[in-house]
Amino acid sequence: MVTIETIVEIAEDGMLVVKAPGHAPRGRRRIRIEIDDGAAAVPEKRPVPDFAGFRARLGAPVYPGNTILEMREEERS
């Protein structure tokens, strides 16, 4: 059994779409849905931290921008 806790929107026509995590079994499944009475709060989005200082301390090249998201050609194996 896999438990998925997420926030969804139910469309005017009653359509409910949920994206399952990668480890969830595929195919037709029996599920249980519980709808909470209160509206769900949207989680606060936080920016991904820039690890330029961390890379510099390791002796790795430092590039402008968010270095954790940008993989450089010389760093690819």
PDB file of N, CA and C in Angstrom:
ATOM      1  N   MET A   1       0.843  -1.169   0.000  1.00  0.00           N
ATOM      2  CA  MET A   1       0.000   0.000   0.000  1.00  0.00           C
ATOM      3  C   MET A   1       0.890   1.234   0.000  1.00  0.00           C
ATOM      4  N   VAL A   2       0.495   2.238  -0.777  1.00  0.00           N
ATOM      5  CA  VAL A   2       1.216   3.497  -0.871  1.00  0.00           C
ATOM      6  C   VAL A   2       0.288   4.606  -0.401  1.00  0.00           C
ATOM      7  N   THR A   3       0.762   5.465   0.483  1.00  0.00           N
ATOM      8  CA  THR A   3      -0.030   6.613   0.916  1.00  0.00           C
ATOM      9  C   THR A   3       0.507   7.851   0.228  1.00  0.00           C
ATOM     10  N   ILE A   4      -0.370   8.589  -0.435  1.00  0.00           N
ATOM     11  CA  ILE A   4       0.007   9.825  -1.131  1.00  0.00           C
ATOM     12  C   ILE A   4      -0.781  10.954  -0.488  1.00  0.00           C
ATOM     13  N   GLU A   5      -0.086  11.936   0.049  1.00  0.00           N
ATOM     14  CA  GLU A   5      -0.744  13.111   0.603  1.00  0.00           C
ATOM     15  C   GLU A   5      -0.355  14.299  -0.249  1.00  0.00           C
ATOM     16  N   THR A   6      -1.342  14.945  -0.848  1.00  0.00           N
ATOM     17  CA  THR A   6      -1.067  16.042  -1.772  1.00  0.00           C
ATOM     18  C   THR A   6      -2.241  17.006  -1.784  1.00  0.00           C
ATOM     19  N   ILE A   7      -2.102  18.104  -2.490  1.00  0.00           N
ATOM     20  CA  ILE A   7      -3.173  19.076  -2.673  1.00  0.00           C
ATOM     21  C   ILE A   7      -3.640  18.977  -4.113  1.00  0.00           C
ATOM     22  N   VAL A   8      -4.934  18.889  -4.325  1.00  0.00           N
ATOM     23  CA  VAL A   8      -5.491  18.789  -5.675  1.00  0.00           C
ATOM     24  C   VAL A   8      -6.567  19.850  -5.865  1.00  0.00           C
ATOM     25  N   GLU A   9      -6.927  20.073  -7.132  1.00  0.00           N
ATOM     26  CA  GLU A   9      -8.060  20.920  -7.458  1.00  0.00           C
ATOM     27  C   GLU A   9      -9.118  20.046  -8.090  1.00  0.00           C
ATOM     28  N   ILE A  10     -10.345  20.277  -7.698  1.00  0.00           N
ATOM     29  CA  ILE A  10     -11.466  19.558  -8.304  1.00  0.00           C
ATOM     30  C   ILE A  10     -12.141  20.537  -9.255  1.00  0.00           C
ATOM     31  N   ALA A  11     -12.178  20.196 -10.539  1.00  0.00           N
ATOM     32  CA  ALA A  11     -12.747  21.072 -11.565  1.00  0.00           C
ATOM     33  C   ALA A  11     -14.261  21.162 -11.424  1.00  0.00           C
ATOM     34  N   GLU A  12     -14.853  22.124 -12.111  1.00  0.00           N
ATOM     35  CA  GLU A  12     -16.304  22.318 -12.074  1.00  0.00           C
ATOM     36  C   GLU A  12     -17.057  21.063 -12.502  1.00  0.00           C
ATOM     37  N   ASP A  13     -16.476  20.294 -13.436  1.00  0.00           N
ATOM     38  CA  ASP A  13     -17.144  19.076 -13.905  1.00  0.00           C
ATOM     39  C   ASP A  13     -16.878  17.883 -12.982  1.00  0.00           C
ATOM     40  N   GLY A  14     -16.171  18.119 -11.863  1.00  0.00           N
ATOM     41  CA  GLY A  14     -15.900  17.057 -10.902  1.00  0.00           C
ATOM     42  C   GLY A  14     -14.646  16.256 -11.199  1.00  0.00           C
ATOM     43  N   MET A  15     -13.910  16.622 -12.244  1.00  0.00           N
ATOM     44  CA  MET A  15     -12.693  15.888 -12.617  1.00  0.00           C
ATOM     45  C   MET A  15     -11.601  16.146 -11.582  1.00  0.00           C
ATOM     46  N   LEU A  16     -10.989  15.083 -11.128  1.00  0.00           N
ATOM     47  CA  LEU A  16      -9.913  15.139 -10.151  1.00  0.00           C
ATOM     48  C   LEU A  16      -8.729  14.396 -10.754  1.00  0.00           C
ATOM     49  N   VAL A  17      -7.588  15.066 -10.868  1.00  0.00           N
ATOM     50  CA  VAL A  17      -6.391  14.445 -11.429  1.00  0.00           C
ATOM     51  C   VAL A  17      -5.292  14.526 -10.388  1.00  0.00           C
ATOM     52  N   VAL A  18      -4.648  13.389 -10.131  1.00  0.00           N
ATOM     53  CA  VAL A  18      -3.554  13.324  -9.166  1.00  0.00           C
ATOM     54  C   VAL A  18      -2.368  12.674  -9.844  1.00  0.00           C
ATOM     55  N   LYS A  19      -1.199  13.271  -9.708  1.00  0.00           N
ATOM     56  CA  LYS A  19       0.020  12.668 -10.242  1.00  0.00           C
ATOM     57  C   LYS A  19       0.644  11.827  -9.139  1.00  0.00           C
ATOM     58  N   ALA A  20       0.810  10.540  -9.415  1.00  0.00           N
ATOM     59  CA  ALA A  20       1.381   9.624  -8.426  1.00  0.00           C
ATOM     60  C   ALA A  20       2.903   9.698  -8.462  1.00  0.00           C
ATOM     61  N   PRO A  21       3.565   9.434  -7.327  1.00  0.00           N
ATOM     62  CA  PRO A  21       5.024   9.411  -7.313  1.00  0.00           C
ATOM     63  C   PRO A  21       5.548   8.239  -8.129  1.00  0.00           C
ATOM     64  N   GLY A  22       6.811   8.300  -8.491  1.00  0.00           N
ATOM     65  CA  GLY A  22       7.427   7.281  -9.340  1.00  0.00           C
ATOM     66  C   GLY A  22       7.379   5.877  -8.772  1.00  0.00           C
ATOM     67  N   HIS A  23       7.376   5.726  -7.463  1.00  0.00           N
ATOM     68  CA  HIS A  23       7.402   4.387  -6.865  1.00  0.00           C
ATOM     69  C   HIS A  23       6.014   3.767  -6.720  1.00  0.00           C
ATOM     70  N   ALA A  24       4.954   4.509  -7.061  1.00  0.00           N
ATOM     71  CA  ALA A  24       3.590   3.967  -6.933  1.00  0.00           C
ATOM     72  C   ALA A  24       3.351   2.915  -8.022  1.00  0.00           C
ATOM     73  N   PRO A  25       2.626   1.849  -7.687  1.00  0.00           N
ATOM     74  CA  PRO A  25       2.362   0.813  -8.687  1.00  0.00           C
ATOM     75  C   PRO A  25       1.508   1.359  -9.832  1.00  0.00           C
ATOM     76  N   ARG A  26       1.757   0.883 -11.028  1.00  0.00           N
ATOM     77  CA  ARG A  26       1.045   1.345 -12.219  1.00  0.00           C
ATOM     78  C   ARG A  26      -0.151   0.449 -12.510  1.00  0.00           C
ATOM     79  N   GLY A  27      -1.040   0.944 -13.330  1.00  0.00           N
ATOM     80  CA  GLY A  27      -2.199   0.170 -13.728  1.00  0.00           C
ATOM     81  C   GLY A  27      -3.438   0.590 -12.961  1.00  0.00           C
ATOM     82  N   ARG A  28      -4.501  -0.135 -13.195  1.00  0.00           N
ATOM     83  CA  ARG A  28      -5.780   0.158 -12.535  1.00  0.00           C
ATOM     84  C   ARG A  28      -5.708  -0.270 -11.077  1.00  0.00           C
ATOM     85  N   ARG A  29      -6.021   0.644 -10.170  1.00  0.00           N
ATOM     86  CA  ARG A  29      -5.910   0.385  -8.731  1.00  0.00           C
ATOM     87  C   ARG A  29      -7.162   0.836  -8.011  1.00  0.00           C
ATOM     88  N   ARG A  30      -7.429   0.218  -6.897  1.00  0.00           N
ATOM     89  CA  ARG A  30      -8.505   0.658  -6.005  1.00  0.00           C
ATOM     90  C   ARG A  30      -7.887   1.655  -5.035  1.00  0.00           C
ATOM     91  N   ILE A  31      -8.507   2.827  -4.887  1.00  0.00           N
ATOM     92  CA  ILE A  31      -7.970   3.851  -3.988  1.00  0.00           C
ATOM     93  C   ILE A  31      -9.076   4.360  -3.071  1.00  0.00           C
ATOM     94  N   ARG A  32      -8.669   5.038  -2.027  1.00  0.00           N
ATOM     95  CA  ARG A  32      -9.601   5.680  -1.100  1.00  0.00           C
ATOM     96  C   ARG A  32      -9.257   7.170  -1.094  1.00  0.00           C
ATOM     97  N   ILE A  33     -10.270   8.016  -1.270  1.00  0.00           N
ATOM     98  CA  ILE A  33     -10.071   9.463  -1.283  1.00  0.00           C
ATOM     99  C   ILE A  33     -10.860  10.067  -0.137  1.00  0.00           C
ATOM    100  N   GLU A  34     -10.196  10.882   0.662  1.00  0.00           N
ATOM    101  CA  GLU A  34     -10.855  11.589   1.760  1.00  0.00           C
ATOM    102  C   GLU A  34     -10.711  13.070   1.482  1.00  0.00           C
ATOM    103  N   ILE A  35     -11.829  13.789   1.428  1.00  0.00           N
ATOM    104  CA  ILE A  35     -11.788  15.223   1.153  1.00  0.00           C
ATOM    105  C   ILE A  35     -11.987  15.969   2.467  1.00  0.00           C
ATOM    106  N   ASP A  36     -10.980  16.771   2.831  1.00  0.00           N
ATOM    107  CA  ASP A  36     -11.028  17.569   4.049  1.00  0.00           C
ATOM    108  C   ASP A  36     -12.027  18.708   3.855  1.00  0.00           C
ATOM    109  N   ASP A  37     -12.718  19.096   4.918  1.00  0.00           N
ATOM    110  CA  ASP A  37     -13.719  20.158   4.829  1.00  0.00           C
ATOM    111  C   ASP A  37     -13.100  21.530   4.553  1.00  0.00           C
ATOM    112  N   GLY A  38     -11.918  21.779   5.069  1.00  0.00           N
ATOM    113  CA  GLY A  38     -11.279  23.084   4.918  1.00  0.00           C
ATOM    114  C   GLY A  38     -10.500  23.185   3.617  1.00  0.00           C
ATOM    115  N   ALA A  39     -10.303  24.410   3.164  1.00  0.00           N
ATOM    116  CA  ALA A  39      -9.497  24.648   1.973  1.00  0.00           C
ATOM    117  C   ALA A  39      -8.029  24.447   2.319  1.00  0.00           C
ATOM    118  N   ALA A  40      -7.282  23.895   1.404  1.00  0.00           N
ATOM    119  CA  ALA A  40      -5.857  23.633   1.629  1.00  0.00           C
ATOM    120  C   ALA A  40      -5.037  24.894   1.397  1.00  0.00           C
ATOM    121  N   ALA A  41      -4.100  25.124   2.266  1.00  0.00           N
ATOM    122  CA  ALA A  41      -3.183  26.244   2.098  1.00  0.00           C
ATOM    123  C   ALA A  41      -2.104  25.847   1.102  1.00  0.00           C
ATOM    124  N   VAL A  42      -1.804  26.744   0.190  1.00  0.00           N
ATOM    125  CA  VAL A  42      -0.758  26.475  -0.793  1.00  0.00           C
ATOM    126  C   VAL A  42       0.586  26.646  -0.105  1.00  0.00           C
ATOM    127  N   PRO A  43       1.458  25.625  -0.191  1.00  0.00           N
ATOM    128  CA  PRO A  43       2.758  25.745   0.471  1.00  0.00           C
ATOM    129  C   PRO A  43       3.591  26.885  -0.109  1.00  0.00           C
ATOM    130  N   GLU A  44       4.365  27.509   0.754  1.00  0.00           N
ATOM    131  CA  GLU A  44       5.225  28.611   0.328  1.00  0.00           C
ATOM    132  C   GLU A  44       6.355  28.074  -0.541  1.00  0.00           C
ATOM    133  N   LYS A  45       6.571  28.716  -1.686  1.00  0.00           N
ATOM    134  CA  LYS A  45       7.673  28.308  -2.565  1.00  0.00           C
ATOM    135  C   LYS A  45       8.926  29.059  -2.145  1.00  0.00           C
ATOM    136  N   ARG A  46       9.986  28.294  -1.936  1.00  0.00           N
ATOM    137  CA  ARG A  46      11.261  28.898  -1.566  1.00  0.00           C
ATOM    138  C   ARG A  46      12.247  28.703  -2.706  1.00  0.00           C
ATOM    139  N   PRO A  47      13.101  29.680  -2.957  1.00  0.00           N
ATOM    140  CA  PRO A  47      14.088  29.509  -4.023  1.00  0.00           C
ATOM    141  C   PRO A  47      15.133  28.458  -3.642  1.00  0.00           C
ATOM    142  N   VAL A  48      15.695  27.827  -4.647  1.00  0.00           N
ATOM    143  CA  VAL A  48      16.762  26.860  -4.415  1.00  0.00           C
ATOM    144  C   VAL A  48      18.006  27.642  -3.999  1.00  0.00           C
ATOM    145  N   PRO A  49      18.671  27.244  -2.926  1.00  0.00           N
ATOM    146  CA  PRO A  49      19.848  28.006  -2.487  1.00  0.00           C
ATOM    147  C   PRO A  49      20.982  27.938  -3.504  1.00  0.00           C
ATOM    148  N   ASP A  50      21.777  28.993  -3.549  1.00  0.00           N
ATOM    149  CA  ASP A  50      22.938  29.052  -4.435  1.00  0.00           C
ATOM    150  C   ASP A  50      24.144  28.531  -3.652  1.00  0.00           C
ATOM    151  N   PHE A  51      24.772  27.511  -4.158  1.00  0.00           N
ATOM    152  CA  PHE A  51      25.884  26.873  -3.462  1.00  0.00           C
ATOM    153  C   PHE A  51      27.253  27.305  -3.993  1.00  0.00           C
ATOM    154  N   ALA A  52      27.342  28.517  -4.519  1.00  0.00           N
ATOM    155  CA  ALA A  52      28.613  28.995  -5.062  1.00  0.00           C
ATOM    156  C   ALA A  52      29.706  29.012  -3.991  1.00  0.00           C
ATOM    157  N   GLY A  53      29.382  29.478  -2.791  1.00  0.00           N
ATOM    158  CA  GLY A  53      30.369  29.505  -1.709  1.00  0.00           C
ATOM    159  C   GLY A  53      30.819  28.108  -1.312  1.00  0.00           C
ATOM    160  N   PHE A  54      29.891  27.181  -1.270  1.00  0.00           N
ATOM    161  CA  PHE A  54      30.203  25.794  -0.945  1.00  0.00           C
ATOM    162  C   PHE A  54      31.139  25.196  -1.997  1.00  0.00           C
ATOM    163  N   ARG A  55      30.837  25.440  -3.276  1.00  0.00           N
ATOM    164  CA  ARG A  55      31.693  24.940  -4.361  1.00  0.00           C
ATOM    165  C   ARG A  55      33.098  25.542  -4.270  1.00  0.00           C
ATOM    166  N   ALA A  56      33.164  26.832  -3.930  1.00  0.00           N
ATOM    167  CA  ALA A  56      34.468  27.494  -3.817  1.00  0.00           C
ATOM    168  C   ALA A  56      35.293  26.852  -2.708  1.00  0.00           C
ATOM    169  N   ARG A  57      34.658  26.534  -1.564  1.00  0.00           N
ATOM    170  CA  ARG A  57      35.383  25.889  -0.463  1.00  0.00           C
ATOM    171  C   ARG A  57      35.872  24.499  -0.852  1.00  0.00           C
ATOM    172  N   LEU A  58      35.177  23.840  -1.765  1.00  0.00           N
ATOM    173  CA  LEU A  58      35.612  22.515  -2.225  1.00  0.00           C
ATOM    174  C   LEU A  58      36.703  22.593  -3.287  1.00  0.00           C
ATOM    175  N   GLY A  59      36.951  23.804  -3.777  1.00  0.00           N
ATOM    176  CA  GLY A  59      37.942  23.962  -4.833  1.00  0.00           C
ATOM    177  C   GLY A  59      37.370  23.723  -6.215  1.00  0.00           C
ATOM    178  N   ALA A  60      36.054  23.628  -6.322  1.00  0.00           N
ATOM    179  CA  ALA A  60      35.394  23.432  -7.619  1.00  0.00           C
ATOM    180  C   ALA A  60      35.221  24.782  -8.302  1.00  0.00           C
ATOM    181  N   PRO A  61      35.145  24.799  -9.642  1.00  0.00           N
ATOM    182  CA  PRO A  61      34.923  26.074 -10.336  1.00  0.00           C
ATOM    183  C   PRO A  61      33.597  26.700  -9.911  1.00  0.00           C
ATOM    184  N   VAL A  62      33.588  28.022  -9.811  1.00  0.00           N
ATOM    185  CA  VAL A  62      32.378  28.761  -9.445  1.00  0.00           C
ATOM    186  C   VAL A  62      31.932  29.539 -10.671  1.00  0.00           C
ATOM    187  N   TYR A  63      30.646  29.429 -10.999  1.00  0.00           N
ATOM    188  CA  TYR A  63      30.066  30.103 -12.155  1.00  0.00           C
ATOM    189  C   TYR A  63      28.980  31.056 -11.686  1.00  0.00           C
ATOM    190  N   PRO A  64      28.679  32.076 -12.465  1.00  0.00           N
ATOM    191  CA  PRO A  64      27.569  32.962 -12.097  1.00  0.00           C
ATOM    192  C   PRO A  64      26.240  32.215 -12.228  1.00  0.00           C
ATOM    193  N   GLY A  65      25.251  32.634 -11.481  1.00  0.00           N
ATOM    194  CA  GLY A  65      23.948  31.976 -11.533  1.00  0.00           C
ATOM    195  C   GLY A  65      23.845  30.934 -10.443  1.00  0.00           C
ATOM    196  N   ASN A  66      22.819  30.133 -10.515  1.00  0.00           N
ATOM    197  CA  ASN A  66      22.615  29.106  -9.513  1.00  0.00           C
ATOM    198  C   ASN A  66      23.391  27.861  -9.912  1.00  0.00           C
ATOM    199  N   THR A  67      24.553  27.690  -9.320  1.00  0.00           N
ATOM    200  CA  THR A  67      25.471  26.642  -9.737  1.00  0.00           C
ATOM    201  C   THR A  67      24.971  25.237  -9.430  1.00  0.00           C
ATOM    202  N   ILE A  68      24.005  25.083  -8.539  1.00  0.00           N
ATOM    203  CA  ILE A  68      23.516  23.742  -8.233  1.00  0.00           C
ATOM    204  C   ILE A  68      22.609  23.234  -9.348  1.00  0.00           C
ATOM    205  N   LEU A  69      21.961  24.129 -10.079  1.00  0.00           N
ATOM    206  CA  LEU A  69      21.052  23.725 -11.137  1.00  0.00           C
ATOM    207  C   LEU A  69      21.715  23.607 -12.495  1.00  0.00           C
ATOM    208  N   GLU A  70      22.834  24.252 -12.664  1.00  0.00           N
ATOM    209  CA  GLU A  70      23.469  24.293 -13.974  1.00  0.00           C
ATOM    210  C   GLU A  70      24.668  23.353 -13.996  1.00  0.00           C
ATOM    211  N   MET A  71      24.587  22.297 -14.778  1.00  0.00           N
ATOM    212  CA  MET A  71      25.693  21.351 -14.888  1.00  0.00           C
ATOM    213  C   MET A  71      26.581  21.769 -16.061  1.00  0.00           C
ATOM    214  N   ARG A  72      27.825  21.934 -15.810  1.00  0.00           N
ATOM    215  CA  ARG A  72      28.767  22.364 -16.837  1.00  0.00           C
ATOM    216  C   ARG A  72      29.287  21.163 -17.614  1.00  0.00           C
ATOM    217  N   GLU A  73      29.678  21.416 -18.838  1.00  0.00           N
ATOM    218  CA  GLU A  73      30.167  20.352 -19.727  1.00  0.00           C
ATOM    219  C   GLU A  73      31.334  19.590 -19.100  1.00  0.00           C
ATOM    220  N   GLU A  74      32.279  20.285 -18.452  1.00  0.00           N
ATOM    221  CA  GLU A  74      33.443  19.600 -17.886  1.00  0.00           C
ATOM    222  C   GLU A  74      33.105  18.794 -16.635  1.00  0.00           C
ATOM    223  N   GLU A  75      31.912  18.981 -16.063  1.00  0.00           N
ATOM    224  CA  GLU A  75      31.520  18.235 -14.876  1.00  0.00           C
ATOM    225  C   GLU A  75      30.724  16.975 -15.208  1.00  0.00           C
ATOM    226  N   ARG A  76      30.362  16.803 -16.467  1.00  0.00           N
ATOM    227  CA  ARG A  76      29.586  15.623 -16.866  1.00  0.00           C
ATOM    228  C   ARG A  76      30.521  14.426 -17.022  1.00  0.00           C
ATOM    229  N   SER A  77      30.049  13.265 -16.596  1.00  0.00           N
ATOM    230  CA  SER A  77      30.903  12.082 -16.718  1.00  0.00           C
ATOM    231  C   SER A  77      30.641  11.351 -17.993  1.00  0.00           C
TER     232      SER A  77
END
